[in-house]
């Protein structure tokens, strides 16, 4: 094993997904004796601090987009583009100072465009080499692609959290790789592994909420209202970290958790007959790690999630329904006779790529 190196981890702080999928990489680097410094913000920072209390943390504030209540987010995102580009420059300046002050040997950025450097070897983690654009805005795709490539090429390597060969979870989002980029497909990134303990399936339906407001709350409201008059056992994992970890009833048939630790989360997944979740990529990877399928509800206007849900539905690995047409009774009735186990198992994480990069620093 090579000598200890100081490695800076910078996950994007738009929710928990980018932080949570970094857990197996952080664990690996730490287990191999490297010094891991984590620069993050928001819910992701809190999550990783709870998960790795012994590691070093630095608050890394950054741009946070505002989302609309409607079914399209493109106009809102275009309005915020100048602020985002300004934030990328500020992120870069922040990282440059950190590398010097913390004596960093290598940098890993999970989808944080501005966290690049020329001082040390760097890695960019993304499952979106090819960003999806709504048909109405397709004329903007060359600009979006140019911005995406402009920032990704500033990193020495690209790690894609998916398999190079089938089964591929991200479809055309991450394939093919750009020919001029040093790209590695490192497998499905999840902090979970297939469970050894079997639980009785005593929850009729488990809801896994995540993603930005106000859409998270809008879907939650639909779930609460529609489940009130149905005779079934429901469990809602609200996806609001930092709040109550103790379960409580929203009504007689609906048990809720604000958030859950890994042991509780794993048990809930195994106990659920049917799972309903957002189509966020990190959530999909976690479900795959458990060997579970689900009904996927894309966040309205998020073209990445809309594509993933449609792609995985076409593969017959997951099912999908959009938020406007959400009908809990229909999902419940159609799920009674279905097997929600996943027919395809994820391949193990390619830790060799991670080890070789860290050892070469």
Protein backbone atom coordinates (compact mmCIF):
# COMPACT_ATOMS: atom_id res chain seq x y z
CA UNK A 1 0.00 0.00 0.00
CA UNK A 2 1.26 3.48 -0.88
CA UNK A 3 2.01 6.15 1.73
CA UNK A 4 -0.83 8.13 3.28
CA UNK A 5 -2.17 10.91 1.08
CA UNK A 6 -4.46 13.82 1.91
CA UNK A 7 -7.58 13.66 -0.27
CA UNK A 8 -10.23 16.38 -0.49
CA UNK A 9 -13.83 15.26 -1.11
CA UNK A 10 -16.30 17.87 -2.46
CA UNK A 11 -19.86 16.60 -3.02
CA UNK A 12 -22.52 18.81 -4.57
CA UNK A 13 -24.93 19.98 -1.87
CA UNK A 14 -28.22 19.87 -3.80
CA UNK A 15 -29.82 17.39 -1.40
CA UNK A 16 -28.40 14.20 0.08
CA UNK A 17 -27.80 12.08 -3.02
CA UNK A 18 -24.32 13.26 -3.95
CA UNK A 19 -23.11 13.06 -0.36
CA UNK A 20 -24.65 9.65 0.36
CA UNK A 21 -23.17 7.99 -2.71
CA UNK A 22 -19.71 9.15 -1.66
CA UNK A 23 -19.86 6.99 1.49
CA UNK A 24 -18.28 3.82 -0.02
CA UNK A 25 -15.47 5.87 -1.59
CA UNK A 26 -14.76 7.72 1.66
CA UNK A 27 -14.83 4.43 3.59
CA UNK A 28 -12.38 2.87 1.15
CA UNK A 29 -9.91 5.76 1.26
CA UNK A 30 -10.07 5.93 5.04
CA UNK A 31 -9.64 2.16 5.42
CA UNK A 32 -6.51 2.29 3.27
CA UNK A 33 -4.95 4.83 5.60
CA UNK A 34 -5.46 8.03 3.64
CA UNK A 35 -6.36 11.31 5.29
CA UNK A 36 -9.82 12.32 4.07
CA UNK A 37 -10.94 15.95 4.26
CA UNK A 38 -14.59 16.61 3.37
CA UNK A 39 -15.71 20.02 2.13
CA UNK A 40 -19.51 20.22 1.92
CA UNK A 41 -22.56 22.22 2.95
CA UNK A 42 -26.23 21.87 3.82
CA UNK A 43 -27.89 18.53 4.43
CA UNK A 44 -25.01 16.67 2.80
CA UNK A 45 -22.54 18.13 5.27
CA UNK A 46 -24.70 17.14 8.24
CA UNK A 47 -25.23 13.65 6.86
CA UNK A 48 -21.51 13.01 6.36
CA UNK A 49 -20.60 14.49 9.75
CA UNK A 50 -23.00 12.07 11.40
CA UNK A 51 -21.66 9.19 9.31
CA UNK A 52 -17.94 9.95 9.76
CA UNK A 53 -17.58 11.87 13.05
CA UNK A 54 -13.86 11.08 13.18
CA UNK A 55 -13.00 12.77 9.86
CA UNK A 56 -12.12 16.40 9.09
CA UNK A 57 -14.85 18.70 7.75
CA UNK A 58 -14.86 22.15 6.21
CA UNK A 59 -18.02 24.07 5.35
CA UNK A 60 -18.04 24.74 1.61
CA UNK A 61 -20.98 27.08 0.80
CA UNK A 62 -22.20 27.19 -2.75
CA UNK A 63 -24.98 27.94 -5.20
CA UNK A 64 -28.39 26.41 -4.47
CA UNK A 65 -30.99 26.55 -7.25
CA UNK A 66 -34.58 27.59 -6.67
CA UNK A 67 -37.26 25.25 -7.99
CA UNK A 68 -40.76 26.15 -9.14
CA UNK A 69 -44.07 24.54 -8.22
CA UNK A 70 -44.82 23.85 -11.89
CA UNK A 71 -43.99 20.97 -14.20
CA UNK A 72 -41.05 22.65 -15.92
CA UNK A 73 -37.87 23.82 -14.26
CA UNK A 74 -36.00 24.93 -17.39
CA UNK A 75 -36.97 28.61 -17.28
CA UNK A 76 -36.12 28.83 -13.59
CA UNK A 77 -32.75 27.17 -14.20
CA UNK A 78 -31.93 29.46 -17.13
CA UNK A 79 -32.72 32.50 -14.99
CA UNK A 80 -30.30 31.29 -12.35
CA UNK A 81 -27.48 30.42 -14.79
CA UNK A 82 -25.51 33.68 -14.28
CA UNK A 83 -25.51 33.07 -10.51
CA UNK A 84 -24.45 29.48 -11.05
CA UNK A 85 -21.51 30.42 -13.29
CA UNK A 86 -20.40 33.04 -10.77
CA UNK A 87 -20.62 30.40 -8.04
CA UNK A 88 -18.43 27.99 -10.04
CA UNK A 89 -15.68 30.61 -10.11
CA UNK A 90 -16.01 31.22 -6.37
CA UNK A 91 -15.93 27.46 -5.72
CA UNK A 92 -12.71 27.17 -7.70
CA UNK A 93 -11.06 29.95 -5.71
CA UNK A 94 -12.21 28.35 -2.45
CA UNK A 95 -10.80 24.95 -3.45
CA UNK A 96 -7.45 26.43 -4.51
CA UNK A 97 -7.03 27.96 -1.06
CA UNK A 98 -8.04 24.71 0.64
CA UNK A 99 -5.53 22.67 -1.32
CA UNK A 100 -2.72 24.96 -0.19
CA UNK A 101 -3.80 25.37 3.43
CA UNK A 102 -4.67 21.69 3.96
CA UNK A 103 -1.72 20.34 1.94
CA UNK A 104 -4.03 18.26 -0.26
CA UNK A 105 -2.58 15.61 -2.60
CA UNK A 106 -5.72 14.76 -4.60
CA UNK A 107 -9.27 16.01 -5.16
CA UNK A 108 -12.57 14.20 -5.81
CA UNK A 109 -15.57 16.32 -6.81
CA UNK A 110 -19.00 14.75 -7.04
CA UNK A 111 -20.76 16.87 -9.65
CA UNK A 112 -19.45 20.14 -8.21
CA UNK A 113 -18.27 21.89 -11.37
CA UNK A 114 -16.30 24.64 -9.66
CA UNK A 115 -14.31 22.28 -7.43
CA UNK A 116 -11.45 21.82 -9.89
CA UNK A 117 -7.75 22.54 -9.64
CA UNK A 118 -4.48 22.35 -11.54
CA UNK A 119 -2.43 21.97 -8.37
CA UNK A 120 -3.11 18.26 -7.76
CA UNK A 121 -4.68 15.31 -9.63
CA UNK A 122 -8.47 15.57 -9.65
CA UNK A 123 -11.52 13.40 -10.33
CA UNK A 124 -15.04 14.38 -11.37
CA UNK A 125 -17.86 11.97 -10.48
CA UNK A 126 -21.01 12.17 -12.59
CA UNK A 127 -23.66 9.98 -14.15
CA UNK A 128 -24.66 12.81 -16.53
CA UNK A 129 -22.11 13.02 -19.29
CA UNK A 130 -25.04 13.76 -21.59
CA UNK A 131 -27.63 16.11 -20.08
CA UNK A 132 -31.25 15.72 -21.16
CA UNK A 133 -33.17 18.75 -22.39
CA UNK A 134 -36.98 19.03 -22.82
CA UNK A 135 -38.04 18.91 -26.46
CA UNK A 136 -39.33 22.50 -26.38
CA UNK A 137 -35.88 23.74 -25.29
CA UNK A 138 -33.81 21.46 -27.52
CA UNK A 139 -32.23 24.47 -29.23
CA UNK A 140 -30.34 25.06 -25.96
CA UNK A 141 -28.70 21.63 -25.96
CA UNK A 142 -25.48 22.71 -27.75
CA UNK A 143 -24.98 25.42 -25.12
CA UNK A 144 -25.72 23.05 -22.22
CA UNK A 145 -23.38 20.41 -23.66
CA UNK A 146 -20.63 22.99 -24.17
CA UNK A 147 -20.86 24.17 -20.55
CA UNK A 148 -20.90 20.58 -19.28
CA UNK A 149 -17.82 19.59 -21.29
CA UNK A 150 -16.03 22.86 -20.50
CA UNK A 151 -16.04 22.10 -16.78
CA UNK A 152 -15.63 18.32 -16.86
CA UNK A 153 -12.47 18.56 -18.99
CA UNK A 154 -10.81 20.56 -16.20
CA UNK A 155 -10.51 17.31 -14.22
CA UNK A 156 -7.88 14.63 -14.87
CA UNK A 157 -10.27 11.68 -14.58
CA UNK A 158 -14.02 11.07 -14.78
CA UNK A 159 -15.64 8.34 -12.67
CA UNK A 160 -19.11 7.25 -13.71
CA UNK A 161 -21.18 5.51 -10.98
CA UNK A 162 -22.56 2.85 -13.29
CA UNK A 163 -21.48 -0.29 -15.12
CA UNK A 164 -19.66 -0.11 -18.43
CA UNK A 165 -21.72 -3.04 -19.70
CA UNK A 166 -25.26 -4.17 -18.96
CA UNK A 167 -27.00 -3.89 -16.62
CA UNK A 168 -26.56 -0.11 -16.90
CA UNK A 169 -28.80 2.02 -14.70
CA UNK A 170 -28.15 5.44 -16.24
CA UNK A 171 -28.68 4.58 -19.91
CA UNK A 172 -27.77 7.34 -22.35
CA UNK A 173 -27.04 9.81 -19.54
CA UNK A 174 -23.57 8.32 -19.07
CA UNK A 175 -22.88 6.45 -22.29
CA UNK A 176 -20.93 6.74 -24.47
CA UNK A 177 -17.97 8.35 -22.72
CA UNK A 178 -16.28 11.35 -24.32
CA UNK A 179 -13.30 10.03 -26.34
CA UNK A 180 -10.85 12.64 -25.05
CA UNK A 181 -11.66 12.11 -21.36
CA UNK A 182 -9.96 9.56 -19.09
CA UNK A 183 -13.23 7.91 -18.03
CA UNK A 184 -13.82 4.93 -15.75
CA UNK A 185 -17.13 3.21 -15.02
CA UNK A 186 -16.76 2.29 -11.35
CA UNK A 187 -20.05 0.46 -10.79
CA UNK A 188 -23.17 1.27 -8.79
CA UNK A 189 -22.27 3.43 -5.77
CA UNK A 190 -24.31 2.69 -2.68
CA UNK A 191 -23.48 2.51 1.00
CA UNK A 192 -25.78 -0.51 1.25
CA UNK A 193 -25.19 -4.15 0.35
CA UNK A 194 -27.58 -7.08 -0.10
CA UNK A 195 -29.05 -7.88 3.33
CA UNK A 196 -28.14 -11.07 5.15
CA UNK A 197 -31.16 -10.95 7.47
CA UNK A 198 -34.66 -11.52 6.12
CA UNK A 199 -37.57 -9.50 7.49
CA UNK A 200 -41.26 -10.36 7.30
CA UNK A 201 -42.99 -8.17 4.73
CA UNK A 202 -45.52 -6.46 7.00
CA UNK A 203 -45.61 -2.99 5.35
CA UNK A 204 -47.94 -2.82 2.35
CA UNK A 205 -46.28 0.26 0.89
CA UNK A 206 -43.16 2.26 1.74
CA UNK A 207 -42.72 5.81 0.40
CA UNK A 208 -39.19 7.18 0.04
CA UNK A 209 -39.34 10.95 -0.42
CA UNK A 210 -36.34 13.03 -1.44
CA UNK A 211 -35.40 15.95 -3.61
CA UNK A 212 -35.99 19.69 -3.62
CA UNK A 213 -38.82 21.73 -2.23
CA UNK A 214 -41.57 22.55 -2.96
CA UNK A 215 -42.02 19.35 -4.97
CA UNK A 216 -41.11 17.07 -2.04
CA UNK A 217 -43.91 18.55 0.08
CA UNK A 218 -46.41 18.52 -2.80
CA UNK A 219 -45.98 14.77 -3.26
CA UNK A 220 -46.05 14.21 0.49
CA UNK A 221 -49.41 15.98 0.70
CA UNK A 222 -50.83 13.71 -2.02
CA UNK A 223 -49.62 10.63 -0.15
CA UNK A 224 -51.14 11.73 3.16
CA UNK A 225 -54.51 12.66 1.66
CA UNK A 226 -54.88 9.60 -0.57
CA UNK A 227 -53.74 7.08 2.05
CA UNK A 228 -56.22 8.28 4.68
CA UNK A 229 -59.15 6.21 3.41
CA UNK A 230 -57.28 3.13 2.20
CA UNK A 231 -57.16 -0.06 4.24
CA UNK A 232 -53.46 -0.86 4.11
CA UNK A 233 -50.32 -0.31 6.17
CA UNK A 234 -48.24 2.60 4.88
CA UNK A 235 -44.87 3.93 5.95
CA UNK A 236 -43.46 7.30 4.86
CA UNK A 237 -39.77 8.16 5.03
CA UNK A 238 -40.06 11.93 4.63
CA UNK A 239 -36.45 12.70 3.69
CA UNK A 240 -35.99 15.71 5.97
CA UNK A 241 -32.69 15.05 7.80
CA UNK A 242 -31.90 16.81 11.04
CA UNK A 243 -35.41 16.36 12.39
CA UNK A 244 -37.05 13.61 14.42
CA UNK A 245 -35.69 10.07 14.00
CA UNK A 246 -38.54 8.62 16.09
CA UNK A 247 -41.49 7.20 14.11
CA UNK A 248 -44.91 8.79 14.55
CA UNK A 249 -48.36 8.37 13.00
CA UNK A 250 -49.74 10.93 10.54
CA UNK A 251 -52.98 8.93 10.64
CA UNK A 252 -53.91 5.44 11.79
CA UNK A 253 -52.56 3.70 8.66
CA UNK A 254 -49.55 5.93 7.96
CA UNK A 255 -46.39 5.71 10.04
CA UNK A 256 -43.79 8.40 9.32
CA UNK A 257 -40.08 8.93 9.89
CA UNK A 258 -38.47 12.32 9.25
CA UNK A 259 -35.30 10.41 8.47
CA UNK A 260 -33.84 7.01 9.37
CA UNK A 261 -30.41 5.64 10.15
CA UNK A 262 -28.99 2.93 7.90
CA UNK A 263 -30.17 0.03 10.08
CA UNK A 264 -33.75 1.33 10.19
CA UNK A 265 -33.72 2.19 6.48
CA UNK A 266 -32.50 -1.29 5.58
CA UNK A 267 -35.19 -2.93 7.70
CA UNK A 268 -37.95 -0.77 6.16
CA UNK A 269 -36.82 -1.64 2.63
CA UNK A 270 -36.92 -5.35 3.44
CA UNK A 271 -40.28 -5.16 5.25
CA UNK A 272 -42.05 -3.35 2.39
CA UNK A 273 -44.14 -5.29 -0.08
CA UNK A 274 -44.18 -2.31 -2.46
CA UNK A 275 -41.88 0.71 -2.63
CA UNK A 276 -42.66 4.13 -4.12
CA UNK A 277 -39.71 6.50 -4.57
CA UNK A 278 -38.44 9.52 -6.42
CA UNK A 279 -36.44 8.75 -9.56
CA UNK A 280 -33.25 10.27 -8.18
CA UNK A 281 -30.19 8.35 -9.31
CA UNK A 282 -28.79 7.80 -5.81
CA UNK A 283 -32.15 6.41 -4.65
CA UNK A 284 -32.21 4.07 -7.65
CA UNK A 285 -28.68 2.85 -6.87
CA UNK A 286 -29.63 2.19 -3.23
CA UNK A 287 -32.73 0.23 -4.24
CA UNK A 288 -30.65 -1.78 -6.69
CA UNK A 289 -28.17 -2.61 -3.91
CA UNK A 290 -31.05 -4.17 -1.97
CA UNK A 291 -32.28 -6.02 -5.04
CA UNK A 292 -35.59 -4.15 -4.88
CA UNK A 293 -37.69 -2.63 -7.61
CA UNK A 294 -40.07 0.29 -7.05
CA UNK A 295 -42.61 2.65 -8.52
CA UNK A 296 -40.62 5.74 -9.55
CA UNK A 297 -42.17 9.22 -9.49
CA UNK A 298 -39.91 11.76 -11.24
CA UNK A 299 -39.67 15.21 -9.70
CA UNK A 300 -41.75 17.36 -12.10
CA UNK A 301 -39.58 19.23 -14.57
CA UNK A 302 -36.38 17.34 -13.77
CA UNK A 303 -35.58 15.86 -17.17
CA UNK A 304 -32.87 13.60 -15.73
CA UNK A 305 -35.39 11.87 -13.46
CA UNK A 306 -38.02 11.74 -16.19
CA UNK A 307 -35.53 10.02 -18.49
CA UNK A 308 -34.34 7.57 -15.80
CA UNK A 309 -37.89 6.58 -14.87
CA UNK A 310 -38.88 6.01 -18.52
CA UNK A 311 -35.64 4.15 -19.32
CA UNK A 312 -35.87 1.81 -16.31
CA UNK A 313 -39.58 1.23 -16.96
CA UNK A 314 -38.76 0.25 -20.54
CA UNK A 315 -36.14 -2.17 -19.19
CA UNK A 316 -38.91 -3.58 -16.94
CA UNK A 317 -36.67 -3.13 -13.89
CA UNK A 318 -38.86 -0.40 -12.35
CA UNK A 319 -42.32 1.05 -12.96
CA UNK A 320 -43.18 4.70 -13.21
CA UNK A 321 -46.04 7.15 -12.82
CA UNK A 322 -45.91 10.93 -12.97
CA UNK A 323 -46.84 13.11 -10.03
CA UNK A 324 -49.89 14.68 -11.67
CA UNK A 325 -51.43 11.26 -12.31
CA UNK A 326 -50.45 9.83 -8.92
CA UNK A 327 -53.24 7.49 -7.80
CA UNK A 328 -52.33 5.58 -4.67
CA UNK A 329 -55.28 3.18 -4.84
CA UNK A 330 -54.34 2.21 -8.40
CA UNK A 331 -50.70 1.60 -7.45
CA UNK A 332 -51.74 -0.43 -4.42
CA UNK A 333 -54.14 -2.61 -6.40
CA UNK A 334 -51.70 -3.23 -9.25
CA UNK A 335 -48.89 -4.09 -6.82
CA UNK A 336 -50.73 -6.80 -4.88
CA UNK A 337 -49.92 -9.59 -7.33
CA UNK A 338 -46.50 -8.30 -8.41
CA UNK A 339 -43.06 -9.40 -7.30
CA UNK A 340 -41.08 -6.27 -6.48
CA UNK A 341 -37.74 -8.00 -6.30
CA UNK A 342 -35.22 -6.84 -8.91
CA UNK A 343 -34.30 -9.45 -11.50
CA UNK A 344 -30.86 -8.00 -12.16
CA UNK A 345 -28.17 -7.72 -9.49
CA UNK A 346 -25.67 -4.84 -9.37
CA UNK A 347 -22.03 -5.55 -10.05
CA UNK A 348 -19.57 -4.78 -7.22
CA UNK A 349 -17.92 -1.37 -7.02
CA UNK A 350 -14.65 -1.26 -8.97
CA UNK A 351 -12.44 -0.26 -6.05
CA UNK A 352 -9.34 -0.98 -8.14
CA UNK A 353 -9.84 2.30 -10.02
CA UNK A 354 -10.14 4.21 -6.74
CA UNK A 355 -7.15 2.45 -5.17
CA UNK A 356 -4.91 2.96 -8.19
CA UNK A 357 -5.73 6.66 -8.38
CA UNK A 358 -5.13 7.28 -4.66
CA UNK A 359 -1.92 5.23 -4.60
CA UNK A 360 -0.54 7.17 -7.58
CA UNK A 361 -0.80 10.56 -5.88
